[in-house]
Amino acid sequence: MGNYAEAVQALQKQLMEVIVETLGLNFGTLHNEIEEGSQVMAINCYPACPEPDLTLGMPPHSDYGTLTILHQSGPGL
């Protein structure tokens, strides 16, 4: 889990650098804020529902933070 968290943090830093530069901003100026940001890892496992016609799914929500990186191992979101 620790290795995965470190890899995702490195990916987040790379993506934020590209996003910031695409917006025409200087990554160096925002480097400390991005580097010292927070990381939240949520792990959810949703087993297959025996009666999918009766499922309601997740209620509307917002993800915490600027960027959400999702590792999906099956179809659907």
PDB file of N, CA and C in Angstrom:
ATOM      1  N   MET A   1       0.819  -1.179   0.000  1.00  0.00           N
ATOM      2  CA  MET A   1       0.000   0.000   0.000  1.00  0.00           C
ATOM      3  C   MET A   1       0.874   1.259   0.000  1.00  0.00           C
ATOM      4  N   GLY A   2       1.971   1.183   0.778  1.00  0.00           N
ATOM      5  CA  GLY A   2       2.877   2.332   0.832  1.00  0.00           C
ATOM      6  C   GLY A   2       3.507   2.623  -0.516  1.00  0.00           C
ATOM      7  N   ASN A   3       3.928   1.579  -1.222  1.00  0.00           N
ATOM      8  CA  ASN A   3       4.517   1.767  -2.549  1.00  0.00           C
ATOM      9  C   ASN A   3       3.506   2.367  -3.522  1.00  0.00           C
ATOM     10  N   TYR A   4       2.270   1.899  -3.449  1.00  0.00           N
ATOM     11  CA  TYR A   4       1.220   2.431  -4.320  1.00  0.00           C
ATOM     12  C   TYR A   4       0.965   3.910  -4.011  1.00  0.00           C
ATOM     13  N   ALA A   5       0.895   4.258  -2.726  1.00  0.00           N
ATOM     14  CA  ALA A   5       0.661   5.648  -2.334  1.00  0.00           C
ATOM     15  C   ALA A   5       1.781   6.553  -2.840  1.00  0.00           C
ATOM     16  N   GLU A   6       3.022   6.088  -2.747  1.00  0.00           N
ATOM     17  CA  GLU A   6       4.153   6.886  -3.234  1.00  0.00           C
ATOM     18  C   GLU A   6       4.089   7.049  -4.757  1.00  0.00           C
ATOM     19  N   ALA A   7       3.731   5.991  -5.468  1.00  0.00           N
ATOM     20  CA  ALA A   7       3.637   6.064  -6.929  1.00  0.00           C
ATOM     21  C   ALA A   7       2.530   7.016  -7.360  1.00  0.00           C
ATOM     22  N   VAL A   8       1.394   6.970  -6.670  1.00  0.00           N
ATOM     23  CA  VAL A   8       0.288   7.861  -7.003  1.00  0.00           C
ATOM     24  C   VAL A   8       0.659   9.313  -6.691  1.00  0.00           C
ATOM     25  N   GLN A   9       1.387   9.532  -5.614  1.00  0.00           N
ATOM     26  CA  GLN A   9       1.821  10.884  -5.270  1.00  0.00           C
ATOM     27  C   GLN A   9       2.767  11.430  -6.348  1.00  0.00           C
ATOM     28  N   ALA A  10       3.672  10.596  -6.845  1.00  0.00           N
ATOM     29  CA  ALA A  10       4.572  11.024  -7.918  1.00  0.00           C
ATOM     30  C   ALA A  10       3.789  11.325  -9.195  1.00  0.00           C
ATOM     31  N   LEU A  11       2.795  10.498  -9.511  1.00  0.00           N
ATOM     32  CA  LEU A  11       1.943  10.724 -10.675  1.00  0.00           C
ATOM     33  C   LEU A  11       1.183  12.039 -10.531  1.00  0.00           C
ATOM     34  N   GLN A  12       0.651  12.287  -9.342  1.00  0.00           N
ATOM     35  CA  GLN A  12      -0.083  13.529  -9.084  1.00  0.00           C
ATOM     36  C   GLN A  12       0.814  14.739  -9.313  1.00  0.00           C
ATOM     37  N   LYS A  13       2.046  14.663  -8.857  1.00  0.00           N
ATOM     38  CA  LYS A  13       2.977  15.779  -9.025  1.00  0.00           C
ATOM     39  C   LYS A  13       3.244  16.026 -10.510  1.00  0.00           C
ATOM     40  N   GLN A  14       3.454  14.951 -11.275  1.00  0.00           N
ATOM     41  CA  GLN A  14       3.695  15.094 -12.710  1.00  0.00           C
ATOM     42  C   GLN A  14       2.477  15.692 -13.421  1.00  0.00           C
ATOM     43  N   LEU A  15       1.287  15.199 -13.084  1.00  0.00           N
ATOM     44  CA  LEU A  15       0.069  15.717 -13.714  1.00  0.00           C
ATOM     45  C   LEU A  15      -0.162  17.181 -13.363  1.00  0.00           C
ATOM     46  N   MET A  16       0.056  17.536 -12.092  1.00  0.00           N
ATOM     47  CA  MET A  16      -0.139  18.928 -11.686  1.00  0.00           C
ATOM     48  C   MET A  16       0.850  19.855 -12.393  1.00  0.00           C
ATOM     49  N   GLU A  17       2.075  19.392 -12.595  1.00  0.00           N
ATOM     50  CA  GLU A  17       3.067  20.204 -13.303  1.00  0.00           C
ATOM     51  C   GLU A  17       2.592  20.498 -14.727  1.00  0.00           C
ATOM     52  N   VAL A  18       2.083  19.477 -15.407  1.00  0.00           N
ATOM     53  CA  VAL A  18       1.586  19.658 -16.773  1.00  0.00           C
ATOM     54  C   VAL A  18       0.364  20.577 -16.787  1.00  0.00           C
ATOM     55  N   ILE A  19      -0.556  20.382 -15.846  1.00  0.00           N
ATOM     56  CA  ILE A  19      -1.766  21.205 -15.781  1.00  0.00           C
ATOM     57  C   ILE A  19      -1.407  22.669 -15.536  1.00  0.00           C
ATOM     58  N   VAL A  20      -0.536  22.905 -14.567  1.00  0.00           N
ATOM     59  CA  VAL A  20      -0.143  24.276 -14.224  1.00  0.00           C
ATOM     60  C   VAL A  20       0.529  24.955 -15.412  1.00  0.00           C
ATOM     61  N   GLU A  21       1.434  24.251 -16.071  1.00  0.00           N
ATOM     62  CA  GLU A  21       2.125  24.828 -17.224  1.00  0.00           C
ATOM     63  C   GLU A  21       1.170  25.052 -18.397  1.00  0.00           C
ATOM     64  N   THR A  22       0.192  24.149 -18.585  1.00  0.00           N
ATOM     65  CA  THR A  22      -0.802  24.318 -19.647  1.00  0.00           C
ATOM     66  C   THR A  22      -1.644  25.567 -19.423  1.00  0.00           C
ATOM     67  N   LEU A  23      -1.867  25.895 -18.159  1.00  0.00           N
ATOM     68  CA  LEU A  23      -2.618  27.109 -17.821  1.00  0.00           C
ATOM     69  C   LEU A  23      -1.764  28.365 -17.947  1.00  0.00           C
ATOM     70  N   GLY A  24      -0.504  28.198 -18.325  1.00  0.00           N
ATOM     71  CA  GLY A  24       0.375  29.346 -18.497  1.00  0.00           C
ATOM     72  C   GLY A  24       0.960  29.867 -17.198  1.00  0.00           C
ATOM     73  N   LEU A  25       0.904  29.064 -16.138  1.00  0.00           N
ATOM     74  CA  LEU A  25       1.435  29.470 -14.846  1.00  0.00           C
ATOM     75  C   LEU A  25       2.834  28.888 -14.661  1.00  0.00           C
ATOM     76  N   ASN A  26       3.561  29.434 -13.730  1.00  0.00           N
ATOM     77  CA  ASN A  26       4.909  28.963 -13.438  1.00  0.00           C
ATOM     78  C   ASN A  26       4.833  27.903 -12.351  1.00  0.00           C
ATOM     79  N   PHE A  27       5.211  26.669 -12.681  1.00  0.00           N
ATOM     80  CA  PHE A  27       5.156  25.581 -11.714  1.00  0.00           C
ATOM     81  C   PHE A  27       6.051  25.859 -10.513  1.00  0.00           C
ATOM     82  N   GLY A  28       7.183  26.512 -10.747  1.00  0.00           N
ATOM     83  CA  GLY A  28       8.113  26.821  -9.658  1.00  0.00           C
ATOM     84  C   GLY A  28       7.467  27.648  -8.566  1.00  0.00           C
ATOM     85  N   THR A  29       6.583  28.561  -8.954  1.00  0.00           N
ATOM     86  CA  THR A  29       5.891  29.412  -7.986  1.00  0.00           C
ATOM     87  C   THR A  29       4.939  28.602  -7.118  1.00  0.00           C
ATOM     88  N   LEU A  30       4.314  27.599  -7.691  1.00  0.00           N
ATOM     89  CA  LEU A  30       3.320  26.799  -6.972  1.00  0.00           C
ATOM     90  C   LEU A  30       3.900  25.499  -6.424  1.00  0.00           C
ATOM     91  N   HIS A  31       5.180  25.264  -6.649  1.00  0.00           N
ATOM     92  CA  HIS A  31       5.801  23.995  -6.274  1.00  0.00           C
ATOM     93  C   HIS A  31       5.594  23.657  -4.802  1.00  0.00           C
ATOM     94  N   ASN A  32       5.821  24.612  -3.897  1.00  0.00           N
ATOM     95  CA  ASN A  32       5.685  24.337  -2.462  1.00  0.00           C
ATOM     96  C   ASN A  32       4.259  23.964  -2.090  1.00  0.00           C
ATOM     97  N   GLU A  33       3.286  24.677  -2.649  1.00  0.00           N
ATOM     98  CA  GLU A  33       1.892  24.376  -2.335  1.00  0.00           C
ATOM     99  C   GLU A  33       1.509  22.981  -2.822  1.00  0.00           C
ATOM    100  N   ILE A  34       1.985  22.617  -3.998  1.00  0.00           N
ATOM    101  CA  ILE A  34       1.671  21.297  -4.551  1.00  0.00           C
ATOM    102  C   ILE A  34       2.430  20.218  -3.778  1.00  0.00           C
ATOM    103  N   GLU A  35       3.693  20.473  -3.484  1.00  0.00           N
ATOM    104  CA  GLU A  35       4.533  19.496  -2.784  1.00  0.00           C
ATOM    105  C   GLU A  35       4.035  19.238  -1.359  1.00  0.00           C
ATOM    106  N   GLU A  36       3.526  20.277  -0.704  1.00  0.00           N
ATOM    107  CA  GLU A  36       3.080  20.142   0.677  1.00  0.00           C
ATOM    108  C   GLU A  36       1.587  19.881   0.790  1.00  0.00           C
ATOM    109  N   GLY A  37       0.940  19.590  -0.330  1.00  0.00           N
ATOM    110  CA  GLY A  37      -0.495  19.330  -0.315  1.00  0.00           C
ATOM    111  C   GLY A  37      -0.814  18.047   0.426  1.00  0.00           C
ATOM    112  N   SER A  38      -2.075  17.735   0.491  1.00  0.00           N
ATOM    113  CA  SER A  38      -2.485  16.535   1.211  1.00  0.00           C
ATOM    114  C   SER A  38      -2.859  15.439   0.219  1.00  0.00           C
ATOM    115  N   GLN A  39      -2.799  14.227   0.693  1.00  0.00           N
ATOM    116  CA  GLN A  39      -3.155  13.065  -0.109  1.00  0.00           C
ATOM    117  C   GLN A  39      -4.118  12.211   0.705  1.00  0.00           C
ATOM    118  N   VAL A  40      -5.223  11.865   0.103  1.00  0.00           N
ATOM    119  CA  VAL A  40      -6.205  11.017   0.758  1.00  0.00           C
ATOM    120  C   VAL A  40      -6.381   9.773  -0.103  1.00  0.00           C
ATOM    121  N   MET A  41      -6.281   8.609   0.521  1.00  0.00           N
ATOM    122  CA  MET A  41      -6.495   7.372  -0.212  1.00  0.00           C
ATOM    123  C   MET A  41      -7.722   6.680   0.367  1.00  0.00           C
ATOM    124  N   ALA A  42      -8.700   6.471  -0.487  1.00  0.00           N
ATOM    125  CA  ALA A  42      -9.905   5.749  -0.081  1.00  0.00           C
ATOM    126  C   ALA A  42      -9.963   4.460  -0.882  1.00  0.00           C
ATOM    127  N   ILE A  43     -10.210   3.366  -0.197  1.00  0.00           N
ATOM    128  CA  ILE A  43     -10.279   2.071  -0.861  1.00  0.00           C
ATOM    129  C   ILE A  43     -11.688   1.524  -0.677  1.00  0.00           C
ATOM    130  N   ASN A  44     -12.340   1.281  -1.786  1.00  0.00           N
ATOM    131  CA  ASN A  44     -13.697   0.757  -1.755  1.00  0.00           C
ATOM    132  C   ASN A  44     -13.757  -0.529  -2.559  1.00  0.00           C
ATOM    133  N   CYS A  45     -14.492  -1.481  -2.063  1.00  0.00           N
ATOM    134  CA  CYS A  45     -14.715  -2.735  -2.785  1.00  0.00           C
ATOM    135  C   CYS A  45     -16.227  -2.964  -2.829  1.00  0.00           C
ATOM    136  N   TYR A  46     -16.751  -2.986  -4.022  1.00  0.00           N
ATOM    137  CA  TYR A  46     -18.179  -3.195  -4.195  1.00  0.00           C
ATOM    138  C   TYR A  46     -18.400  -4.558  -4.854  1.00  0.00           C
ATOM    139  N   PRO A  47     -18.803  -5.554  -4.077  1.00  0.00           N
ATOM    140  CA  PRO A  47     -19.038  -6.874  -4.679  1.00  0.00           C
ATOM    141  C   PRO A  47     -20.214  -6.819  -5.642  1.00  0.00           C
ATOM    142  N   ALA A  48     -20.243  -7.758  -6.555  1.00  0.00           N
ATOM    143  CA  ALA A  48     -21.339  -7.815  -7.527  1.00  0.00           C
ATOM    144  C   ALA A  48     -22.667  -7.973  -6.804  1.00  0.00           C
ATOM    145  N   CYS A  49     -23.644  -7.220  -7.230  1.00  0.00           N
ATOM    146  CA  CYS A  49     -24.976  -7.267  -6.621  1.00  0.00           C
ATOM    147  C   CYS A  49     -25.781  -8.394  -7.264  1.00  0.00           C
ATOM    148  N   PRO A  50     -26.399  -9.242  -6.449  1.00  0.00           N
ATOM    149  CA  PRO A  50     -27.191 -10.338  -7.022  1.00  0.00           C
ATOM    150  C   PRO A  50     -28.457  -9.849  -7.733  1.00  0.00           C
ATOM    151  N   GLU A  51     -28.925  -8.633  -7.403  1.00  0.00           N
ATOM    152  CA  GLU A  51     -30.110  -8.068  -8.048  1.00  0.00           C
ATOM    153  C   GLU A  51     -29.800  -6.641  -8.506  1.00  0.00           C
ATOM    154  N   PRO A  52     -29.047  -6.478  -9.603  1.00  0.00           N
ATOM    155  CA  PRO A  52     -28.602  -5.147 -10.015  1.00  0.00           C
ATOM    156  C   PRO A  52     -29.740  -4.180 -10.354  1.00  0.00           C
ATOM    157  N   ASP A  53     -30.917  -4.684 -10.698  1.00  0.00           N
ATOM    158  CA  ASP A  53     -32.044  -3.787 -10.997  1.00  0.00           C
ATOM    159  C   ASP A  53     -32.532  -3.058  -9.749  1.00  0.00           C
ATOM    160  N   LEU A  54     -32.171  -3.556  -8.570  1.00  0.00           N
ATOM    161  CA  LEU A  54     -32.626  -2.948  -7.327  1.00  0.00           C
ATOM    162  C   LEU A  54     -31.598  -2.010  -6.699  1.00  0.00           C
ATOM    163  N   THR A  55     -30.439  -1.865  -7.317  1.00  0.00           N
ATOM    164  CA  THR A  55     -29.384  -1.046  -6.712  1.00  0.00           C
ATOM    165  C   THR A  55     -29.632   0.431  -6.946  1.00  0.00           C
ATOM    166  N   LEU A  56     -29.200   1.231  -5.990  1.00  0.00           N
ATOM    167  CA  LEU A  56     -29.352   2.679  -6.096  1.00  0.00           C
ATOM    168  C   LEU A  56     -28.036   3.366  -6.445  1.00  0.00           C
ATOM    169  N   GLY A  57     -26.912   2.726  -6.184  1.00  0.00           N
ATOM    170  CA  GLY A  57     -25.619   3.334  -6.463  1.00  0.00           C
ATOM    171  C   GLY A  57     -25.240   4.364  -5.418  1.00  0.00           C
ATOM    172  N   MET A  58     -24.222   5.137  -5.723  1.00  0.00           N
ATOM    173  CA  MET A  58     -23.739   6.172  -4.798  1.00  0.00           C
ATOM    174  C   MET A  58     -24.558   7.445  -4.985  1.00  0.00           C
ATOM    175  N   PRO A  59     -24.816   8.166  -3.901  1.00  0.00           N
ATOM    176  CA  PRO A  59     -25.503   9.458  -4.045  1.00  0.00           C
ATOM    177  C   PRO A  59     -24.543  10.477  -4.659  1.00  0.00           C
ATOM    178  N   PRO A  60     -25.062  11.568  -5.200  1.00  0.00           N
ATOM    179  CA  PRO A  60     -24.177  12.611  -5.747  1.00  0.00           C
ATOM    180  C   PRO A  60     -23.190  13.070  -4.679  1.00  0.00           C
ATOM    181  N   HIS A  61     -21.938  13.304  -5.088  1.00  0.00           N
ATOM    182  CA  HIS A  61     -20.911  13.729  -4.146  1.00  0.00           C
ATOM    183  C   HIS A  61     -19.790  14.438  -4.893  1.00  0.00           C
ATOM    184  N   SER A  62     -18.917  15.064  -4.150  1.00  0.00           N
ATOM    185  CA  SER A  62     -17.712  15.689  -4.698  1.00  0.00           C
ATOM    186  C   SER A  62     -16.511  15.006  -4.098  1.00  0.00           C
ATOM    187  N   ASP A  63     -15.482  14.842  -4.898  1.00  0.00           N
ATOM    188  CA  ASP A  63     -14.239  14.275  -4.389  1.00  0.00           C
ATOM    189  C   ASP A  63     -13.436  15.377  -3.714  1.00  0.00           C
ATOM    190  N   TYR A  64     -12.671  14.997  -2.708  1.00  0.00           N
ATOM    191  CA  TYR A  64     -11.848  15.927  -1.971  1.00  0.00           C
ATOM    192  C   TYR A  64     -10.605  16.263  -2.788  1.00  0.00           C
ATOM    193  N   GLY A  65     -10.240  17.516  -2.854  1.00  0.00           N
ATOM    194  CA  GLY A  65      -8.983  17.902  -3.479  1.00  0.00           C
ATOM    195  C   GLY A  65      -9.122  18.397  -4.899  1.00  0.00           C
ATOM    196  N   THR A  66      -7.990  18.664  -5.498  1.00  0.00           N
ATOM    197  CA  THR A  66      -7.926  19.221  -6.841  1.00  0.00           C
ATOM    198  C   THR A  66      -7.988  18.154  -7.913  1.00  0.00           C
ATOM    199  N   LEU A  67      -7.389  17.021  -7.628  1.00  0.00           N
ATOM    200  CA  LEU A  67      -7.225  15.978  -8.633  1.00  0.00           C
ATOM    201  C   LEU A  67      -7.583  14.630  -8.027  1.00  0.00           C
ATOM    202  N   THR A  68      -8.359  13.847  -8.758  1.00  0.00           N
ATOM    203  CA  THR A  68      -8.704  12.500  -8.310  1.00  0.00           C
ATOM    204  C   THR A  68      -8.082  11.503  -9.274  1.00  0.00           C
ATOM    205  N   ILE A  69      -7.297  10.581  -8.734  1.00  0.00           N
ATOM    206  CA  ILE A  69      -6.689   9.527  -9.542  1.00  0.00           C
ATOM    207  C   ILE A  69      -7.382   8.242  -9.147  1.00  0.00           C
ATOM    208  N   LEU A  70      -7.977   7.588 -10.108  1.00  0.00           N
ATOM    209  CA  LEU A  70      -8.802   6.417  -9.859  1.00  0.00           C
ATOM    210  C   LEU A  70      -8.168   5.178 -10.469  1.00  0.00           C
ATOM    211  N   HIS A  71      -7.968   4.145  -9.672  1.00  0.00           N
ATOM    212  CA  HIS A  71      -7.535   2.841 -10.188  1.00  0.00           C
ATOM    213  C   HIS A  71      -8.752   1.954 -10.217  1.00  0.00           C
ATOM    214  N   GLN A  72      -9.158   1.591 -11.397  1.00  0.00           N
ATOM    215  CA  GLN A  72     -10.387   0.830 -11.555  1.00  0.00           C
ATOM    216  C   GLN A  72     -10.052  -0.543 -12.107  1.00  0.00           C
ATOM    217  N   SER A  73     -10.517  -1.591 -11.423  1.00  0.00           N
ATOM    218  CA  SER A  73     -10.197  -2.946 -11.846  1.00  0.00           C
ATOM    219  C   SER A  73     -11.360  -3.650 -12.535  1.00  0.00           C
ATOM    220  N   GLY A  74     -12.486  -2.978 -12.649  1.00  0.00           N
ATOM    221  CA  GLY A  74     -13.639  -3.574 -13.293  1.00  0.00           C
ATOM    222  C   GLY A  74     -14.443  -2.515 -14.026  1.00  0.00           C
ATOM    223  N   PRO A  75     -15.436  -2.907 -14.816  1.00  0.00           N
ATOM    224  CA  PRO A  75     -16.239  -1.929 -15.547  1.00  0.00           C
ATOM    225  C   PRO A  75     -17.148  -1.135 -14.623  1.00  0.00           C
ATOM    226  N   GLY A  76     -17.522   0.042 -15.071  1.00  0.00           N
ATOM    227  CA  GLY A  76     -18.441   0.892 -14.315  1.00  0.00           C
ATOM    228  C   GLY A  76     -17.705   1.884 -13.455  1.00  0.00           C
ATOM    229  N   LEU A  77     -18.395   2.914 -13.089  1.00  0.00           N
ATOM    230  CA  LEU A  77     -17.827   3.925 -12.207  1.00  0.00           C
ATOM    231  C   LEU A  77     -18.906   4.419 -11.279  1.00  0.00           C
TER     232      LEU A  77
END
